[in-house]
Amino acid sequence: MHQQSHGESFLALILNKFRGNSIYILDEPEAALSPTRQMTMLARLHELVREGSQFIIATHSPIIMAYPDAIIYEINDGFRIVRYEETEHYQVTKSFLNNRQKMLEILTK
């Protein structure tokens, strides 16, 4: 794994070392992964969930948060369960992608 990039090494770990019937706690796995690799990770997570694994993931990634039937907790002054579309990360990403030019004008003013 030392001959690979950080992201490729991290993905190799998930693909080759994670096993079913386990619990995994991940802290911002998106930091190492491109959006395409985040989707690859989601597919592997789904395989592992079907094999009895559970995941606790701290993330800012709208891609990772989109996992079907995920319970999403927003942590501010306390914990509260939110819908995917209610997350700030989803809303900001969607707004930027839908209004890129306007957002860039505001940000680079």
PDB file of N, CA and C in Angstrom:
ATOM      1  N   MET A   1       0.810  -1.198   0.000  1.00  0.00           N
ATOM      2  CA  MET A   1       0.000   0.000   0.000  1.00  0.00           C
ATOM      3  C   MET A   1       0.852   1.260   0.000  1.00  0.00           C
ATOM      4  N   HIS A   2       2.141   1.143   0.285  1.00  0.00           N
ATOM      5  CA  HIS A   2       2.999   2.328   0.317  1.00  0.00           C
ATOM      6  C   HIS A   2       3.336   2.839  -1.078  1.00  0.00           C
ATOM      7  N   GLN A   3       3.068   2.038  -2.107  1.00  0.00           N
ATOM      8  CA  GLN A   3       3.305   2.488  -3.477  1.00  0.00           C
ATOM      9  C   GLN A   3       2.083   3.195  -4.059  1.00  0.00           C
ATOM     10  N   GLN A   4       1.000   3.243  -3.312  1.00  0.00           N
ATOM     11  CA  GLN A   4      -0.231   3.866  -3.780  1.00  0.00           C
ATOM     12  C   GLN A   4      -0.425   5.225  -3.118  1.00  0.00           C
ATOM     13  N   SER A   5      -1.298   6.024  -3.729  1.00  0.00           N
ATOM     14  CA  SER A   5      -1.662   7.291  -3.101  1.00  0.00           C
ATOM     15  C   SER A   5      -2.447   7.011  -1.826  1.00  0.00           C
ATOM     16  N   HIS A   6      -2.609   8.048  -1.021  1.00  0.00           N
ATOM     17  CA  HIS A   6      -3.383   7.918   0.210  1.00  0.00           C
ATOM     18  C   HIS A   6      -4.788   7.404  -0.089  1.00  0.00           C
ATOM     19  N   GLY A   7      -5.440   7.994  -1.095  1.00  0.00           N
ATOM     20  CA  GLY A   7      -6.798   7.597  -1.447  1.00  0.00           C
ATOM     21  C   GLY A   7      -6.880   6.166  -1.946  1.00  0.00           C
ATOM     22  N   GLU A   8      -5.958   5.771  -2.806  1.00  0.00           N
ATOM     23  CA  GLU A   8      -5.961   4.409  -3.334  1.00  0.00           C
ATOM     24  C   GLU A   8      -5.662   3.399  -2.227  1.00  0.00           C
ATOM     25  N   SER A   9      -4.786   3.750  -1.304  1.00  0.00           N
ATOM     26  CA  SER A   9      -4.494   2.865  -0.175  1.00  0.00           C
ATOM     27  C   SER A   9      -5.717   2.712   0.724  1.00  0.00           C
ATOM     28  N   PHE A  10      -6.407   3.820   0.977  1.00  0.00           N
ATOM     29  CA  PHE A  10      -7.599   3.778   1.822  1.00  0.00           C
ATOM     30  C   PHE A  10      -8.693   2.933   1.170  1.00  0.00           C
ATOM     31  N   LEU A  11      -8.897   3.132  -0.134  1.00  0.00           N
ATOM     32  CA  LEU A  11      -9.911   2.343  -0.833  1.00  0.00           C
ATOM     33  C   LEU A  11      -9.531   0.865  -0.843  1.00  0.00           C
ATOM     34  N   ALA A  12      -8.259   0.557  -1.034  1.00  0.00           N
ATOM     35  CA  ALA A  12      -7.803  -0.841  -1.014  1.00  0.00           C
ATOM     36  C   ALA A  12      -8.098  -1.472   0.349  1.00  0.00           C
ATOM     37  N   LEU A  13      -7.923  -0.712   1.404  1.00  0.00           N
ATOM     38  CA  LEU A  13      -8.234  -1.197   2.752  1.00  0.00           C
ATOM     39  C   LEU A  13      -9.712  -1.573   2.853  1.00  0.00           C
ATOM     40  N   ILE A  14     -10.587  -0.693   2.402  1.00  0.00           N
ATOM     41  CA  ILE A  14     -12.027  -0.957   2.459  1.00  0.00           C
ATOM     42  C   ILE A  14     -12.399  -2.158   1.585  1.00  0.00           C
ATOM     43  N   LEU A  15     -11.836  -2.214   0.395  1.00  0.00           N
ATOM     44  CA  LEU A  15     -12.191  -3.282  -0.538  1.00  0.00           C
ATOM     45  C   LEU A  15     -11.648  -4.640  -0.125  1.00  0.00           C
ATOM     46  N   ASN A  16     -10.452  -4.654   0.483  1.00  0.00           N
ATOM     47  CA  ASN A  16      -9.771  -5.933   0.713  1.00  0.00           C
ATOM     48  C   ASN A  16      -9.676  -6.382   2.167  1.00  0.00           C
ATOM     49  N   LYS A  17      -9.818  -5.463   3.099  1.00  0.00           N
ATOM     50  CA  LYS A  17      -9.634  -5.831   4.505  1.00  0.00           C
ATOM     51  C   LYS A  17     -10.918  -5.790   5.327  1.00  0.00           C
ATOM     52  N   PHE A  18     -11.868  -4.952   4.940  1.00  0.00           N
ATOM     53  CA  PHE A  18     -13.127  -4.903   5.670  1.00  0.00           C
ATOM     54  C   PHE A  18     -13.901  -6.180   5.390  1.00  0.00           C
ATOM     55  N   ARG A  19     -14.495  -6.737   6.427  1.00  0.00           N
ATOM     56  CA  ARG A  19     -15.248  -7.984   6.318  1.00  0.00           C
ATOM     57  C   ARG A  19     -16.654  -7.798   6.872  1.00  0.00           C
ATOM     58  N   GLY A  20     -17.537  -8.709   6.499  1.00  0.00           N
ATOM     59  CA  GLY A  20     -18.912  -8.679   6.968  1.00  0.00           C
ATOM     60  C   GLY A  20     -19.003  -8.987   8.449  1.00  0.00           C
ATOM     61  N   ASN A  21     -20.197  -8.739   9.003  1.00  0.00           N
ATOM     62  CA  ASN A  21     -20.492  -8.997  10.411  1.00  0.00           C
ATOM     63  C   ASN A  21     -19.517  -8.270  11.340  1.00  0.00           C
ATOM     64  N   SER A  22     -19.279  -7.016  11.028  1.00  0.00           N
ATOM     65  CA  SER A  22     -18.346  -6.193  11.808  1.00  0.00           C
ATOM     66  C   SER A  22     -18.948  -4.813  12.004  1.00  0.00           C
ATOM     67  N   ILE A  23     -18.325  -4.042  12.877  1.00  0.00           N
ATOM     68  CA  ILE A  23     -18.706  -2.641  13.039  1.00  0.00           C
ATOM     69  C   ILE A  23     -17.482  -1.794  12.703  1.00  0.00           C
ATOM     70  N   TYR A  24     -17.722  -0.742  11.939  1.00  0.00           N
ATOM     71  CA  TYR A  24     -16.639   0.138  11.511  1.00  0.00           C
ATOM     72  C   TYR A  24     -16.995   1.570  11.877  1.00  0.00           C
ATOM     73  N   ILE A  25     -16.016   2.304  12.363  1.00  0.00           N
ATOM     74  CA  ILE A  25     -16.174   3.716  12.684  1.00  0.00           C
ATOM     75  C   ILE A  25     -15.188   4.474  11.813  1.00  0.00           C
ATOM     76  N   LEU A  26     -15.709   5.330  10.944  1.00  0.00           N
ATOM     77  CA  LEU A  26     -14.875   6.063   9.993  1.00  0.00           C
ATOM     78  C   LEU A  26     -15.024   7.558  10.228  1.00  0.00           C
ATOM     79  N   ASP A  27     -13.915   8.252  10.204  1.00  0.00           N
ATOM     80  CA  ASP A  27     -13.916   9.700  10.384  1.00  0.00           C
ATOM     81  C   ASP A  27     -13.521  10.369   9.077  1.00  0.00           C
ATOM     82  N   GLU A  28     -14.468  10.990   8.436  1.00  0.00           N
ATOM     83  CA  GLU A  28     -14.287  11.734   7.198  1.00  0.00           C
ATOM     84  C   GLU A  28     -13.513  10.944   6.131  1.00  0.00           C
ATOM     85  N   PRO A  29     -14.028   9.790   5.736  1.00  0.00           N
ATOM     86  CA  PRO A  29     -13.332   9.004   4.718  1.00  0.00           C
ATOM     87  C   PRO A  29     -13.212   9.735   3.384  1.00  0.00           C
ATOM     88  N   GLU A  30     -14.081  10.710   3.145  1.00  0.00           N
ATOM     89  CA  GLU A  30     -14.026  11.455   1.889  1.00  0.00           C
ATOM     90  C   GLU A  30     -12.740  12.250   1.729  1.00  0.00           C
ATOM     91  N   ALA A  31     -12.044  12.514   2.833  1.00  0.00           N
ATOM     92  CA  ALA A  31     -10.800  13.287   2.760  1.00  0.00           C
ATOM     93  C   ALA A  31      -9.775  12.599   1.868  1.00  0.00           C
ATOM     94  N   ALA A  32      -9.847  11.292   1.772  1.00  0.00           N
ATOM     95  CA  ALA A  32      -8.887  10.534   0.976  1.00  0.00           C
ATOM     96  C   ALA A  32      -9.433  10.147  -0.394  1.00  0.00           C
ATOM     97  N   LEU A  33     -10.716  10.378  -0.640  1.00  0.00           N
ATOM     98  CA  LEU A  33     -11.354   9.801  -1.815  1.00  0.00           C
ATOM     99  C   LEU A  33     -11.950  10.843  -2.756  1.00  0.00           C
ATOM    100  N   SER A  34     -11.752  10.636  -4.034  1.00  0.00           N
ATOM    101  CA  SER A  34     -12.408  11.456  -5.045  1.00  0.00           C
ATOM    102  C   SER A  34     -13.902  11.128  -5.035  1.00  0.00           C
ATOM    103  N   PRO A  35     -14.719  11.955  -5.658  1.00  0.00           N
ATOM    104  CA  PRO A  35     -16.148  11.623  -5.719  1.00  0.00           C
ATOM    105  C   PRO A  35     -16.413  10.244  -6.346  1.00  0.00           C
ATOM    106  N   THR A  36     -15.695   9.897  -7.380  1.00  0.00           N
ATOM    107  CA  THR A  36     -15.881   8.579  -8.002  1.00  0.00           C
ATOM    108  C   THR A  36     -15.519   7.472  -7.031  1.00  0.00           C
ATOM    109  N   ARG A  37     -14.446   7.641  -6.305  1.00  0.00           N
ATOM    110  CA  ARG A  37     -14.024   6.632  -5.327  1.00  0.00           C
ATOM    111  C   ARG A  37     -14.976   6.586  -4.131  1.00  0.00           C
ATOM    112  N   GLN A  38     -15.601   7.715  -3.796  1.00  0.00           N
ATOM    113  CA  GLN A  38     -16.621   7.696  -2.745  1.00  0.00           C
ATOM    114  C   GLN A  38     -17.788   6.804  -3.165  1.00  0.00           C
ATOM    115  N   MET A  39     -18.138   6.840  -4.443  1.00  0.00           N
ATOM    116  CA  MET A  39     -19.217   5.981  -4.931  1.00  0.00           C
ATOM    117  C   MET A  39     -18.797   4.512  -4.911  1.00  0.00           C
ATOM    118  N   THR A  40     -17.532   4.247  -5.225  1.00  0.00           N
ATOM    119  CA  THR A  40     -17.014   2.879  -5.119  1.00  0.00           C
ATOM    120  C   THR A  40     -17.101   2.412  -3.677  1.00  0.00           C
ATOM    121  N   MET A  41     -16.748   3.298  -2.751  1.00  0.00           N
ATOM    122  CA  MET A  41     -16.836   2.973  -1.330  1.00  0.00           C
ATOM    123  C   MET A  41     -18.272   2.666  -0.933  1.00  0.00           C
ATOM    124  N   LEU A  42     -19.238   3.458  -1.428  1.00  0.00           N
ATOM    125  CA  LEU A  42     -20.642   3.211  -1.107  1.00  0.00           C
ATOM    126  C   LEU A  42     -21.087   1.822  -1.554  1.00  0.00           C
ATOM    127  N   ALA A  43     -20.653   1.421  -2.729  1.00  0.00           N
ATOM    128  CA  ALA A  43     -21.015   0.092  -3.226  1.00  0.00           C
ATOM    129  C   ALA A  43     -20.457  -0.992  -2.301  1.00  0.00           C
ATOM    130  N   ARG A  44     -19.214  -0.811  -1.858  1.00  0.00           N
ATOM    131  CA  ARG A  44     -18.602  -1.789  -0.940  1.00  0.00           C
ATOM    132  C   ARG A  44     -19.299  -1.763   0.419  1.00  0.00           C
ATOM    133  N   LEU A  45     -19.638  -0.586   0.922  1.00  0.00           N
ATOM    134  CA  LEU A  45     -20.363  -0.499   2.190  1.00  0.00           C
ATOM    135  C   LEU A  45     -21.672  -1.268   2.093  1.00  0.00           C
ATOM    136  N   HIS A  46     -22.345  -1.145   0.964  1.00  0.00           N
ATOM    137  CA  HIS A  46     -23.616  -1.841   0.790  1.00  0.00           C
ATOM    138  C   HIS A  46     -23.421  -3.360   0.842  1.00  0.00           C
ATOM    139  N   GLU A  47     -22.368  -3.849   0.205  1.00  0.00           N
ATOM    140  CA  GLU A  47     -22.060  -5.282   0.280  1.00  0.00           C
ATOM    141  C   GLU A  47     -21.841  -5.704   1.729  1.00  0.00           C
ATOM    142  N   LEU A  48     -21.083  -4.893   2.452  1.00  0.00           N
ATOM    143  CA  LEU A  48     -20.765  -5.218   3.843  1.00  0.00           C
ATOM    144  C   LEU A  48     -21.999  -5.146   4.742  1.00  0.00           C
ATOM    145  N   VAL A  49     -22.882  -4.192   4.496  1.00  0.00           N
ATOM    146  CA  VAL A  49     -24.132  -4.097   5.270  1.00  0.00           C
ATOM    147  C   VAL A  49     -24.970  -5.351   5.030  1.00  0.00           C
ATOM    148  N   ARG A  50     -25.041  -5.799   3.795  1.00  0.00           N
ATOM    149  CA  ARG A  50     -25.791  -7.029   3.495  1.00  0.00           C
ATOM    150  C   ARG A  50     -25.164  -8.244   4.175  1.00  0.00           C
ATOM    151  N   GLU A  51     -23.877  -8.150   4.509  1.00  0.00           N
ATOM    152  CA  GLU A  51     -23.171  -9.230   5.210  1.00  0.00           C
ATOM    153  C   GLU A  51     -23.187  -9.028   6.728  1.00  0.00           C
ATOM    154  N   GLY A  52     -24.003  -8.084   7.215  1.00  0.00           N
ATOM    155  CA  GLY A  52     -24.191  -7.897   8.642  1.00  0.00           C
ATOM    156  C   GLY A  52     -23.329  -6.834   9.296  1.00  0.00           C
ATOM    157  N   SER A  53     -22.588  -6.068   8.529  1.00  0.00           N
ATOM    158  CA  SER A  53     -21.761  -5.003   9.107  1.00  0.00           C
ATOM    159  C   SER A  53     -22.587  -3.753   9.385  1.00  0.00           C
ATOM    160  N   GLN A  54     -22.090  -2.949  10.304  1.00  0.00           N
ATOM    161  CA  GLN A  54     -22.685  -1.657  10.625  1.00  0.00           C
ATOM    162  C   GLN A  54     -21.598  -0.601  10.546  1.00  0.00           C
ATOM    163  N   PHE A  55     -22.008   0.626  10.210  1.00  0.00           N
ATOM    164  CA  PHE A  55     -21.060   1.719  10.059  1.00  0.00           C
ATOM    165  C   PHE A  55     -21.519   2.937  10.832  1.00  0.00           C
ATOM    166  N   ILE A  56     -20.568   3.581  11.461  1.00  0.00           N
ATOM    167  CA  ILE A  56     -20.749   4.907  12.044  1.00  0.00           C
ATOM    168  C   ILE A  56     -19.739   5.767  11.302  1.00  0.00           C
ATOM    169  N   ILE A  57     -20.245   6.763  10.588  1.00  0.00           N
ATOM    170  CA  ILE A  57     -19.362   7.564   9.735  1.00  0.00           C
ATOM    171  C   ILE A  57     -19.587   9.040  10.019  1.00  0.00           C
ATOM    172  N   ALA A  58     -18.530   9.734  10.390  1.00  0.00           N
ATOM    173  CA  ALA A  58     -18.557  11.196  10.485  1.00  0.00           C
ATOM    174  C   ALA A  58     -18.126  11.709   9.113  1.00  0.00           C
ATOM    175  N   THR A  59     -18.995  12.461   8.450  1.00  0.00           N
ATOM    176  CA  THR A  59     -18.693  12.892   7.087  1.00  0.00           C
ATOM    177  C   THR A  59     -19.313  14.240   6.775  1.00  0.00           C
ATOM    178  N   HIS A  60     -18.705  14.907   5.805  1.00  0.00           N
ATOM    179  CA  HIS A  60     -19.275  16.119   5.223  1.00  0.00           C
ATOM    180  C   HIS A  60     -19.706  15.841   3.789  1.00  0.00           C
ATOM    181  N   SER A  61     -19.539  14.628   3.329  1.00  0.00           N
ATOM    182  CA  SER A  61     -19.773  14.279   1.938  1.00  0.00           C
ATOM    183  C   SER A  61     -21.241  13.988   1.647  1.00  0.00           C
ATOM    184  N   PRO A  62     -21.862  14.783   0.763  1.00  0.00           N
ATOM    185  CA  PRO A  62     -23.230  14.478   0.367  1.00  0.00           C
ATOM    186  C   PRO A  62     -23.335  13.117  -0.333  1.00  0.00           C
ATOM    187  N   ILE A  63     -22.269  12.675  -0.954  1.00  0.00           N
ATOM    188  CA  ILE A  63     -22.285  11.365  -1.611  1.00  0.00           C
ATOM    189  C   ILE A  63     -22.388  10.265  -0.562  1.00  0.00           C
ATOM    190  N   ILE A  64     -21.563  10.312   0.439  1.00  0.00           N
ATOM    191  CA  ILE A  64     -21.564   9.269   1.469  1.00  0.00           C
ATOM    192  C   ILE A  64     -22.852   9.331   2.292  1.00  0.00           C
ATOM    193  N   MET A  65     -23.323  10.548   2.581  1.00  0.00           N
ATOM    194  CA  MET A  65     -24.567  10.687   3.347  1.00  0.00           C
ATOM    195  C   MET A  65     -25.777  10.146   2.597  1.00  0.00           C
ATOM    196  N   ALA A  66     -25.668   9.987   1.287  1.00  0.00           N
ATOM    197  CA  ALA A  66     -26.801   9.547   0.474  1.00  0.00           C
ATOM    198  C   ALA A  66     -27.079   8.052   0.593  1.00  0.00           C
ATOM    199  N   TYR A  67     -26.294   7.335   1.377  1.00  0.00           N
ATOM    200  CA  TYR A  67     -26.508   5.893   1.492  1.00  0.00           C
ATOM    201  C   TYR A  67     -27.976   5.616   1.853  1.00  0.00           C
ATOM    202  N   PRO A  68     -28.622   4.702   1.120  1.00  0.00           N
ATOM    203  CA  PRO A  68     -30.052   4.434   1.373  1.00  0.00           C
ATOM    204  C   PRO A  68     -30.333   4.040   2.824  1.00  0.00           C
ATOM    205  N   ASP A  69     -31.353   4.617   3.375  1.00  0.00           N
ATOM    206  CA  ASP A  69     -31.826   4.328   4.730  1.00  0.00           C
ATOM    207  C   ASP A  69     -30.824   4.687   5.824  1.00  0.00           C
ATOM    208  N   ALA A  70     -29.826   5.499   5.504  1.00  0.00           N
ATOM    209  CA  ALA A  70     -28.886   5.945   6.539  1.00  0.00           C
ATOM    210  C   ALA A  70     -29.626   6.822   7.539  1.00  0.00           C
ATOM    211  N   ILE A  71     -29.239   6.719   8.779  1.00  0.00           N
ATOM    212  CA  ILE A  71     -29.745   7.630   9.804  1.00  0.00           C
ATOM    213  C   ILE A  71     -28.691   8.720   9.930  1.00  0.00           C
ATOM    214  N   ILE A  72     -29.087   9.942   9.646  1.00  0.00           N
ATOM    215  CA  ILE A  72     -28.144  11.065   9.645  1.00  0.00           C
ATOM    216  C   ILE A  72     -28.403  11.917  10.880  1.00  0.00           C
ATOM    217  N   TYR A  73     -27.367  12.058  11.685  1.00  0.00           N
ATOM    218  CA  TYR A  73     -27.439  12.904  12.869  1.00  0.00           C
ATOM    219  C   TYR A  73     -26.700  14.193  12.576  1.00  0.00           C
ATOM    220  N   GLU A  74     -27.339  15.297  12.873  1.00  0.00           N
ATOM    221  CA  GLU A  74     -26.687  16.597  12.817  1.00  0.00           C
ATOM    222  C   GLU A  74     -26.243  16.921  14.232  1.00  0.00           C
ATOM    223  N   ILE A  75     -24.996  17.323  14.370  1.00  0.00           N
ATOM    224  CA  ILE A  75     -24.460  17.616  15.694  1.00  0.00           C
ATOM    225  C   ILE A  75     -24.145  19.108  15.756  1.00  0.00           C
ATOM    226  N   ASN A  76     -24.910  19.821  16.543  1.00  0.00           N
ATOM    227  CA  ASN A  76     -24.672  21.239  16.803  1.00  0.00           C
ATOM    228  C   ASN A  76     -24.635  21.413  18.312  1.00  0.00           C
ATOM    229  N   ASP A  77     -25.694  21.940  18.879  1.00  0.00           N
ATOM    230  CA  ASP A  77     -25.781  22.051  20.332  1.00  0.00           C
ATOM    231  C   ASP A  77     -26.158  20.721  20.962  1.00  0.00           C
ATOM    232  N   GLY A  78     -26.591  19.819  20.150  1.00  0.00           N
ATOM    233  CA  GLY A  78     -26.974  18.477  20.564  1.00  0.00           C
ATOM    234  C   GLY A  78     -27.065  17.613  19.325  1.00  0.00           C
ATOM    235  N   PHE A  79     -27.704  16.466  19.462  1.00  0.00           N
ATOM    236  CA  PHE A  79     -27.893  15.557  18.340  1.00  0.00           C
ATOM    237  C   PHE A  79     -29.329  15.651  17.870  1.00  0.00           C
ATOM    238  N   ARG A  80     -29.528  15.661  16.559  1.00  0.00           N
ATOM    239  CA  ARG A  80     -30.880  15.539  16.030  1.00  0.00           C
ATOM    240  C   ARG A  80     -30.809  14.797  14.705  1.00  0.00           C
ATOM    241  N   ILE A  81     -31.809  13.987  14.453  1.00  0.00           N
ATOM    242  CA  ILE A  81     -31.883  13.256  13.198  1.00  0.00           C
ATOM    243  C   ILE A  81     -32.441  14.189  12.128  1.00  0.00           C
ATOM    244  N   VAL A  82     -31.795  14.200  10.966  1.00  0.00           N
ATOM    245  CA  VAL A  82     -32.240  15.037   9.848  1.00  0.00           C
ATOM    246  C   VAL A  82     -32.368  14.190   8.590  1.00  0.00           C
ATOM    247  N   ARG A  83     -33.201  14.667   7.686  1.00  0.00           N
ATOM    248  CA  ARG A  83     -33.298  14.031   6.371  1.00  0.00           C
ATOM    249  C   ARG A  83     -32.100  14.471   5.535  1.00  0.00           C
ATOM    250  N   TYR A  84     -31.742  13.658   4.588  1.00  0.00           N
ATOM    251  CA  TYR A  84     -30.596  13.940   3.709  1.00  0.00           C
ATOM    252  C   TYR A  84     -30.674  15.349   3.120  1.00  0.00           C
ATOM    253  N   GLU A  85     -31.847  15.691   2.583  1.00  0.00           N
ATOM    254  CA  GLU A  85     -32.012  16.990   1.922  1.00  0.00           C
ATOM    255  C   GLU A  85     -31.951  18.162   2.899  1.00  0.00           C
ATOM    256  N   GLU A  86     -32.060  17.896   4.191  1.00  0.00           N
ATOM    257  CA  GLU A  86     -31.980  18.953   5.202  1.00  0.00           C
ATOM    258  C   GLU A  86     -30.545  19.260   5.616  1.00  0.00           C
ATOM    259  N   THR A  87     -29.603  18.417   5.234  1.00  0.00           N
ATOM    260  CA  THR A  87     -28.227  18.646   5.671  1.00  0.00           C
ATOM    261  C   THR A  87     -27.636  19.859   4.973  1.00  0.00           C
ATOM    262  N   GLU A  88     -26.858  20.587   5.700  1.00  0.00           N
ATOM    263  CA  GLU A  88     -26.189  21.764   5.134  1.00  0.00           C
ATOM    264  C   GLU A  88     -25.304  21.362   3.956  1.00  0.00           C
ATOM    265  N   HIS A  89     -24.636  20.230   4.063  1.00  0.00           N
ATOM    266  CA  HIS A  89     -23.700  19.806   3.022  1.00  0.00           C
ATOM    267  C   HIS A  89     -24.420  19.514   1.710  1.00  0.00           C
ATOM    268  N   TYR A  90     -25.590  18.901   1.807  1.00  0.00           N
ATOM    269  CA  TYR A  90     -26.396  18.673   0.606  1.00  0.00           C
ATOM    270  C   TYR A  90     -26.847  20.011   0.025  1.00  0.00           C
ATOM    271  N   GLN A  91     -27.392  20.888   0.868  1.00  0.00           N
ATOM    272  CA  GLN A  91     -27.943  22.155   0.396  1.00  0.00           C
ATOM    273  C   GLN A  91     -26.877  23.046  -0.236  1.00  0.00           C
ATOM    274  N   VAL A  92     -25.717  23.138   0.390  1.00  0.00           N
ATOM    275  CA  VAL A  92     -24.643  23.981  -0.149  1.00  0.00           C
ATOM    276  C   VAL A  92     -24.125  23.417  -1.476  1.00  0.00           C
ATOM    277  N   THR A  93     -23.913  22.116  -1.526  1.00  0.00           N
ATOM    278  CA  THR A  93     -23.420  21.493  -2.761  1.00  0.00           C
ATOM    279  C   THR A  93     -24.429  21.663  -3.889  1.00  0.00           C
ATOM    280  N   LYS A  94     -25.696  21.404  -3.607  1.00  0.00           N
ATOM    281  CA  LYS A  94     -26.741  21.547  -4.624  1.00  0.00           C
ATOM    282  C   LYS A  94     -26.816  22.987  -5.111  1.00  0.00           C
ATOM    283  N   SER A  95     -26.785  23.928  -4.185  1.00  0.00           N
ATOM    284  CA  SER A  95     -26.863  25.339  -4.551  1.00  0.00           C
ATOM    285  C   SER A  95     -25.675  25.745  -5.415  1.00  0.00           C
ATOM    286  N   PHE A  96     -24.503  25.293  -5.044  1.00  0.00           N
ATOM    287  CA  PHE A  96     -23.311  25.634  -5.832  1.00  0.00           C
ATOM    288  C   PHE A  96     -23.406  25.046  -7.236  1.00  0.00           C
ATOM    289  N   LEU A  97     -23.752  23.773  -7.342  1.00  0.00           N
ATOM    290  CA  LEU A  97     -23.825  23.122  -8.651  1.00  0.00           C
ATOM    291  C   LEU A  97     -24.928  23.707  -9.531  1.00  0.00           C
ATOM    292  N   ASN A  98     -26.040  24.094  -8.921  1.00  0.00           N
ATOM    293  CA  ASN A  98     -27.145  24.660  -9.698  1.00  0.00           C
ATOM    294  C   ASN A  98     -26.952  26.121 -10.060  1.00  0.00           C
ATOM    295  N   ASN A  99     -26.073  26.807  -9.327  1.00  0.00           N
ATOM    296  CA  ASN A  99     -25.857  28.250  -9.535  1.00  0.00           C
ATOM    297  C   ASN A  99     -24.368  28.583  -9.520  1.00  0.00           C
ATOM    298  N   ARG A 100     -23.583  27.782 -10.194  1.00  0.00           N
ATOM    299  CA  ARG A 100     -22.125  27.911 -10.111  1.00  0.00           C
ATOM    300  C   ARG A 100     -21.646  29.328 -10.409  1.00  0.00           C
ATOM    301  N   GLN A 101     -22.069  29.889 -11.528  1.00  0.00           N
ATOM    302  CA  GLN A 101     -21.562  31.196 -11.921  1.00  0.00           C
ATOM    303  C   GLN A 101     -21.902  32.266 -10.887  1.00  0.00           C
ATOM    304  N   LYS A 102     -23.144  32.275 -10.423  1.00  0.00           N
ATOM    305  CA  LYS A 102     -23.547  33.265  -9.421  1.00  0.00           C
ATOM    306  C   LYS A 102     -22.770  33.068  -8.122  1.00  0.00           C
ATOM    307  N   MET A 103     -22.615  31.815  -7.694  1.00  0.00           N
ATOM    308  CA  MET A 103     -21.868  31.539  -6.472  1.00  0.00           C
ATOM    309  C   MET A 103     -20.418  31.994  -6.617  1.00  0.00           C
ATOM    310  N   LEU A 104     -19.810  31.728  -7.761  1.00  0.00           N
ATOM    311  CA  LEU A 104     -18.422  32.158  -7.972  1.00  0.00           C
ATOM    312  C   LEU A 104     -18.311  33.685  -7.978  1.00  0.00           C
ATOM    313  N   GLU A 105     -19.286  34.340  -8.538  1.00  0.00           N
ATOM    314  CA  GLU A 105     -19.286  35.812  -8.517  1.00  0.00           C
ATOM    315  C   GLU A 105     -19.341  36.325  -7.084  1.00  0.00           C
ATOM    316  N   ILE A 106     -20.183  35.725  -6.272  1.00  0.00           N
ATOM    317  CA  ILE A 106     -20.300  36.137  -4.870  1.00  0.00           C
ATOM    318  C   ILE A 106     -19.001  35.839  -4.121  1.00  0.00           C
ATOM    319  N   LEU A 107     -18.447  34.675  -4.344  1.00  0.00           N
ATOM    320  CA  LEU A 107     -17.247  34.257  -3.606  1.00  0.00           C
ATOM    321  C   LEU A 107     -15.989  34.994  -4.024  1.00  0.00           C
ATOM    322  N   THR A 108     -15.944  35.450  -5.267  1.00  0.00           N
ATOM    323  CA  THR A 108     -14.722  36.094  -5.767  1.00  0.00           C
ATOM    324  C   THR A 108     -14.880  37.592  -5.940  1.00  0.00           C
ATOM    325  N   LYS A 109     -15.935  38.151  -5.376  1.00  0.00           N
ATOM    326  CA  LYS A 109     -16.225  39.590  -5.459  1.00  0.00           C
ATOM    327  C   LYS A 109     -15.161  40.402  -4.778  1.00  0.00           C
TER     328      LYS A 109
END
